[in-house]
Amino acid sequence: MKANEFDQKFDSNDDDIIDDLDLSSVTRPNQSQKRVNVDFPAWVVDSLDKEASRIGVTRQSIIKVWLVERLEQQTANKSSKTDAEKRAAS
């Protein structure tokens, strides 16, 4: 199928295009795993275990979720700060 035919099929939204895609080599950008080791004081591990147990997830899951939330928050704060600085400079 030529690109313009694919584009027309996609734009018409009449047919499902999934069968026209080769998904055998699909990857998600920036989603590769990398192992890291982190040492925490015993009280932190105990607190993590209690919270993880309370919400029914593993220690590793709660650490991942909390780190991602914090990183997203930092990114959002930087973005809003940059926007505010741009408005102030105008």
N, C-alpha and C. Protein backbone atom coordinates (compact mmCIF):
# COMPACT_ATOMS: atom_id res chain seq x y z
N MET A 1 0.86 -1.17 0.00
CA MET A 1 0.00 0.00 0.00
C MET A 1 0.91 1.23 0.00
N LYS A 2 0.57 2.17 -0.81
CA LYS A 2 1.33 3.42 -0.89
C LYS A 2 0.96 4.32 0.29
N ALA A 3 1.86 5.22 0.63
CA ALA A 3 1.66 6.09 1.79
C ALA A 3 0.40 6.93 1.65
N ASN A 4 0.16 7.45 0.46
CA ASN A 4 -1.04 8.30 0.30
C ASN A 4 -2.32 7.48 0.44
N GLU A 5 -2.29 6.20 0.02
CA GLU A 5 -3.46 5.33 0.21
C GLU A 5 -3.69 5.07 1.71
N PHE A 6 -2.58 4.82 2.41
CA PHE A 6 -2.67 4.59 3.86
C PHE A 6 -3.23 5.84 4.55
N ASP A 7 -2.71 7.01 4.17
CA ASP A 7 -3.18 8.27 4.75
C ASP A 7 -4.67 8.47 4.52
N GLN A 8 -5.12 8.18 3.31
CA GLN A 8 -6.55 8.33 2.99
C GLN A 8 -7.39 7.37 3.83
N LYS A 9 -6.91 6.13 3.96
CA LYS A 9 -7.64 5.14 4.77
C LYS A 9 -7.71 5.60 6.22
N PHE A 10 -6.59 6.12 6.74
CA PHE A 10 -6.55 6.61 8.11
C PHE A 10 -7.47 7.81 8.28
N ASP A 11 -7.36 8.76 7.36
CA ASP A 11 -8.16 10.00 7.46
C ASP A 11 -9.65 9.74 7.31
N SER A 12 -10.03 8.75 6.51
CA SER A 12 -11.46 8.47 6.32
C SER A 12 -12.09 7.88 7.56
N ASN A 13 -11.26 7.23 8.39
CA ASN A 13 -11.72 6.66 9.67
C ASN A 13 -12.84 5.63 9.47
N ASP A 14 -12.94 5.08 8.26
CA ASP A 14 -13.96 4.07 7.98
C ASP A 14 -13.47 2.66 8.28
N ASP A 15 -12.18 2.42 8.02
CA ASP A 15 -11.62 1.09 8.19
C ASP A 15 -10.54 1.10 9.27
N ASP A 16 -10.37 -0.06 9.89
CA ASP A 16 -9.30 -0.22 10.88
C ASP A 16 -7.98 -0.37 10.14
N ILE A 17 -6.98 0.40 10.52
CA ILE A 17 -5.69 0.36 9.84
C ILE A 17 -4.69 -0.58 10.50
N ILE A 18 -5.05 -1.17 11.62
CA ILE A 18 -4.10 -1.97 12.39
C ILE A 18 -3.55 -3.13 11.58
N ASP A 19 -4.36 -3.72 10.73
CA ASP A 19 -3.90 -4.85 9.91
C ASP A 19 -2.90 -4.41 8.86
N ASP A 20 -2.85 -3.13 8.55
CA ASP A 20 -1.92 -2.61 7.56
C ASP A 20 -0.57 -2.23 8.15
N LEU A 21 -0.41 -2.39 9.46
CA LEU A 21 0.83 -2.01 10.13
C LEU A 21 1.65 -3.25 10.48
N ASP A 22 2.96 -3.13 10.40
CA ASP A 22 3.87 -4.19 10.82
C ASP A 22 4.26 -3.91 12.27
N LEU A 23 3.65 -4.62 13.20
CA LEU A 23 3.87 -4.38 14.62
C LEU A 23 4.95 -5.28 15.21
N SER A 24 5.62 -6.06 14.36
CA SER A 24 6.61 -7.02 14.86
C SER A 24 7.84 -6.36 15.47
N SER A 25 8.12 -5.13 15.08
CA SER A 25 9.33 -4.48 15.60
C SER A 25 9.00 -3.18 16.33
N VAL A 26 7.80 -3.07 16.84
CA VAL A 26 7.38 -1.86 17.54
C VAL A 26 8.07 -1.79 18.90
N THR A 27 8.58 -0.62 19.22
CA THR A 27 9.15 -0.38 20.55
C THR A 27 8.58 0.92 21.10
N ARG A 28 8.61 1.03 22.41
CA ARG A 28 8.15 2.26 23.05
C ARG A 28 9.38 3.09 23.40
N PRO A 29 9.47 4.30 22.88
CA PRO A 29 10.65 5.12 23.14
C PRO A 29 10.82 5.40 24.64
N ASN A 30 12.05 5.40 25.07
CA ASN A 30 12.42 5.70 26.46
C ASN A 30 11.78 4.76 27.47
N GLN A 31 11.46 3.55 27.07
CA GLN A 31 10.84 2.61 27.98
C GLN A 31 11.71 1.39 28.28
N SER A 32 12.96 1.40 27.83
CA SER A 32 13.83 0.27 28.14
C SER A 32 14.13 0.27 29.64
N GLN A 33 14.31 -0.91 30.17
CA GLN A 33 14.55 -1.06 31.60
C GLN A 33 16.04 -0.98 31.89
N LYS A 34 16.37 -0.39 33.02
CA LYS A 34 17.75 -0.34 33.48
C LYS A 34 17.74 -0.57 34.98
N ARG A 35 18.51 -1.54 35.42
CA ARG A 35 18.53 -1.90 36.84
C ARG A 35 19.41 -0.93 37.62
N VAL A 36 18.91 -0.50 38.77
CA VAL A 36 19.69 0.33 39.68
C VAL A 36 19.55 -0.25 41.09
N ASN A 37 20.55 -0.05 41.89
CA ASN A 37 20.50 -0.48 43.29
C ASN A 37 20.53 0.77 44.16
N VAL A 38 19.65 0.80 45.12
CA VAL A 38 19.57 1.94 46.03
C VAL A 38 19.53 1.41 47.46
N ASP A 39 20.35 1.99 48.31
CA ASP A 39 20.36 1.61 49.72
C ASP A 39 19.51 2.61 50.51
N PHE A 40 18.58 2.08 51.30
CA PHE A 40 17.72 2.90 52.15
C PHE A 40 17.94 2.51 53.60
N PRO A 41 17.74 3.45 54.52
CA PRO A 41 17.75 3.08 55.94
C PRO A 41 16.59 2.11 56.22
N ALA A 42 16.74 1.30 57.23
CA ALA A 42 15.74 0.28 57.56
C ALA A 42 14.36 0.90 57.78
N TRP A 43 14.29 2.07 58.42
CA TRP A 43 13.00 2.68 58.70
C TRP A 43 12.28 3.07 57.40
N VAL A 44 13.04 3.43 56.35
CA VAL A 44 12.43 3.78 55.07
C VAL A 44 11.85 2.52 54.42
N VAL A 45 12.60 1.43 54.46
CA VAL A 45 12.11 0.18 53.90
C VAL A 45 10.86 -0.29 54.63
N ASP A 46 10.87 -0.17 55.96
CA ASP A 46 9.69 -0.55 56.75
C ASP A 46 8.48 0.30 56.36
N SER A 47 8.69 1.60 56.22
CA SER A 47 7.60 2.49 55.83
C SER A 47 7.09 2.18 54.43
N LEU A 48 8.02 1.90 53.52
CA LEU A 48 7.62 1.54 52.15
C LEU A 48 6.81 0.25 52.17
N ASP A 49 7.24 -0.73 52.94
CA ASP A 49 6.54 -2.01 53.01
C ASP A 49 5.14 -1.85 53.58
N LYS A 50 5.00 -1.02 54.61
CA LYS A 50 3.68 -0.79 55.20
C LYS A 50 2.74 -0.13 54.21
N GLU A 51 3.24 0.90 53.52
CA GLU A 51 2.39 1.60 52.55
C GLU A 51 2.07 0.70 51.36
N ALA A 52 3.04 -0.07 50.90
CA ALA A 52 2.81 -0.99 49.79
C ALA A 52 1.77 -2.04 50.17
N SER A 53 1.88 -2.55 51.38
CA SER A 53 0.91 -3.54 51.85
C SER A 53 -0.48 -2.93 51.98
N ARG A 54 -0.53 -1.71 52.46
CA ARG A 54 -1.82 -1.04 52.64
C ARG A 54 -2.57 -0.88 51.33
N ILE A 55 -1.83 -0.56 50.25
CA ILE A 55 -2.52 -0.36 48.97
C ILE A 55 -2.45 -1.59 48.07
N GLY A 56 -1.79 -2.66 48.54
CA GLY A 56 -1.80 -3.93 47.82
C GLY A 56 -0.87 -4.01 46.63
N VAL A 57 0.31 -3.40 46.74
CA VAL A 57 1.30 -3.48 45.67
C VAL A 57 2.64 -3.90 46.28
N THR A 58 3.61 -4.14 45.43
CA THR A 58 4.93 -4.50 45.92
C THR A 58 5.72 -3.25 46.29
N ARG A 59 6.77 -3.45 47.04
CA ARG A 59 7.68 -2.35 47.40
C ARG A 59 8.24 -1.70 46.14
N GLN A 60 8.67 -2.53 45.20
CA GLN A 60 9.23 -2.00 43.96
C GLN A 60 8.21 -1.14 43.21
N SER A 61 6.97 -1.58 43.18
CA SER A 61 5.92 -0.82 42.49
C SER A 61 5.71 0.55 43.11
N ILE A 62 5.65 0.60 44.43
CA ILE A 62 5.40 1.88 45.08
C ILE A 62 6.58 2.84 44.88
N ILE A 63 7.79 2.30 44.90
CA ILE A 63 8.97 3.15 44.65
C ILE A 63 8.90 3.70 43.24
N LYS A 64 8.60 2.85 42.27
CA LYS A 64 8.52 3.31 40.88
C LYS A 64 7.45 4.38 40.72
N VAL A 65 6.27 4.14 41.25
CA VAL A 65 5.17 5.09 41.10
C VAL A 65 5.52 6.43 41.74
N TRP A 66 6.05 6.40 42.95
CA TRP A 66 6.38 7.64 43.64
C TRP A 66 7.48 8.41 42.93
N LEU A 67 8.48 7.70 42.43
CA LEU A 67 9.55 8.39 41.70
C LEU A 67 9.03 9.02 40.42
N VAL A 68 8.22 8.29 39.68
CA VAL A 68 7.66 8.84 38.44
C VAL A 68 6.78 10.04 38.74
N GLU A 69 5.94 9.94 39.78
CA GLU A 69 5.09 11.08 40.15
C GLU A 69 5.94 12.31 40.47
N ARG A 70 7.00 12.11 41.22
CA ARG A 70 7.86 13.24 41.60
C ARG A 70 8.57 13.84 40.38
N LEU A 71 9.07 12.99 39.51
CA LEU A 71 9.74 13.49 38.31
C LEU A 71 8.77 14.25 37.40
N GLU A 72 7.54 13.75 37.26
CA GLU A 72 6.53 14.45 36.47
C GLU A 72 6.18 15.79 37.11
N GLN A 73 6.09 15.81 38.43
CA GLN A 73 5.80 17.05 39.16
C GLN A 73 6.91 18.07 38.93
N GLN A 74 8.16 17.61 39.02
CA GLN A 74 9.30 18.50 38.79
C GLN A 74 9.26 19.07 37.38
N THR A 75 8.96 18.22 36.40
CA THR A 75 8.89 18.67 35.01
C THR A 75 7.79 19.69 34.84
N ALA A 76 6.64 19.45 35.46
CA ALA A 76 5.52 20.39 35.36
C ALA A 76 5.87 21.71 36.03
N ASN A 77 6.55 21.65 37.17
CA ASN A 77 6.94 22.88 37.87
C ASN A 77 7.93 23.68 37.05
N LYS A 78 8.89 23.01 36.44
CA LYS A 78 9.87 23.69 35.60
C LYS A 78 9.19 24.34 34.41
N SER A 79 8.25 23.63 33.83
CA SER A 79 7.54 24.14 32.66
C SER A 79 6.71 25.38 33.01
N SER A 80 5.99 25.32 34.13
CA SER A 80 5.18 26.47 34.53
C SER A 80 6.05 27.65 34.96
N LYS A 81 7.20 27.35 35.56
CA LYS A 81 8.13 28.42 35.95
C LYS A 81 8.68 29.10 34.71
N THR A 82 9.05 28.32 33.72
CA THR A 82 9.57 28.87 32.47
C THR A 82 8.51 29.72 31.78
N ASP A 83 7.26 29.25 31.77
CA ASP A 83 6.18 30.02 31.17
C ASP A 83 5.98 31.34 31.90
N ALA A 84 6.03 31.31 33.23
CA ALA A 84 5.86 32.53 34.02
C ALA A 84 6.99 33.51 33.75
N GLU A 85 8.22 32.98 33.63
CA GLU A 85 9.36 33.86 33.34
C GLU A 85 9.22 34.49 31.95
N LYS A 86 8.71 33.75 30.99
CA LYS A 86 8.50 34.29 29.65
C LYS A 86 7.45 35.40 29.67
N ARG A 87 6.38 35.18 30.44
CA ARG A 87 5.31 36.20 30.52
C ARG A 87 5.84 37.47 31.21
N ALA A 88 6.66 37.28 32.24
CA ALA A 88 7.21 38.43 32.97
C ALA A 88 8.17 39.22 32.10
N ALA A 89 8.87 38.55 31.22
CA ALA A 89 9.84 39.22 30.36
C ALA A 89 9.15 39.97 29.22
N SER A 90 7.91 39.64 28.95
CA SER A 90 7.19 40.29 27.81
C SER A 90 6.73 41.68 28.14
